[in-house]
C-alpha cells in the first residue's frame, strides 16, 4: 500500500470528524475545513491507488 493511500485515509477520517463537529456546533469554518480535508484525502487515496496499480500492488 502506497503511503499516499494511508495518508488519504487519515485525512478523510479527520475531515469527517471536523465536518461533524462543525455541523453539531454550527461552526461553518470547521465544517468547511472538514469538507476540504475529506476531498484532500480522497485525492491522496486516488493517487496512491494509481501508484499501486503501476507497481502491480493492487
Protein backbone atom coordinates (compact mmCIF):
# COMPACT_ATOMS: atom_id res chain seq x y z
CA UNK A 1 0.00 0.00 0.00
CA UNK A 2 1.34 3.37 -1.00
CA UNK A 3 1.87 5.96 1.75
CA UNK A 4 -0.45 8.34 -0.11
CA UNK A 5 -3.31 5.88 0.41
CA UNK A 6 -2.62 5.72 4.15
CA UNK A 7 -2.36 9.50 4.43
CA UNK A 8 -5.53 9.83 2.37
CA UNK A 9 -7.43 7.57 4.73
CA UNK A 10 -6.23 9.61 7.70
CA UNK A 11 -7.24 12.90 6.07
CA UNK A 12 -10.67 11.52 5.15
CA UNK A 13 -11.23 10.39 8.74
CA UNK A 14 -10.02 13.71 10.14
CA UNK A 15 -12.25 15.57 7.69
CA UNK A 16 -15.28 13.53 8.68
CA UNK A 17 -14.74 14.33 12.35
CA UNK A 18 -14.16 18.05 11.71
CA UNK A 19 -17.21 18.27 9.47
CA UNK A 20 -19.37 16.50 12.05
CA UNK A 21 -18.18 18.75 14.87
CA UNK A 22 -18.78 21.79 12.67
CA UNK A 23 -22.32 20.66 11.94
CA UNK A 24 -23.12 19.97 15.59
CA UNK A 25 -21.63 23.23 16.87
CA UNK A 26 -22.79 25.38 13.95
CA UNK A 27 -19.18 26.30 13.14
CA UNK A 28 -19.25 26.85 9.39
CA UNK A 29 -15.47 27.33 9.17
CA UNK A 30 -14.77 23.97 10.81
CA UNK A 31 -17.40 22.31 8.64
CA UNK A 32 -15.74 23.74 5.51
CA UNK A 33 -12.29 22.64 6.73
CA UNK A 34 -13.65 19.14 7.26
CA UNK A 35 -15.08 19.04 3.77
CA UNK A 36 -11.73 20.20 2.35
CA UNK A 37 -9.81 17.59 4.36
CA UNK A 38 -12.12 14.85 3.10
CA UNK A 39 -11.59 15.97 -0.50
CA UNK A 40 -7.82 16.06 0.03
CA UNK A 41 -7.96 12.55 1.48
CA UNK A 42 -9.93 11.24 -1.47
CA UNK A 43 -7.40 12.73 -3.88
CA UNK A 44 -4.44 11.27 -1.96
CA UNK A 45 -6.15 7.89 -1.90
CA UNK A 46 -6.69 8.02 -5.66
CA UNK A 47 -3.06 8.98 -6.28
CA UNK A 48 -1.86 6.18 -4.03
CA UNK A 49 -4.14 3.71 -5.79
CA UNK A 50 -2.73 4.74 -9.16
CA UNK A 51 0.82 4.29 -7.86
CA UNK A 52 -0.07 0.86 -6.51
CA UNK A 53 -1.61 -0.10 -9.85
CA UNK A 54 1.52 0.98 -11.74
CA UNK A 55 3.64 -1.14 -9.40
CA UNK A 56 1.20 -4.03 -9.65
CA UNK A 57 0.34 -3.89 -5.91
CA UNK A 58 -3.43 -3.54 -6.38
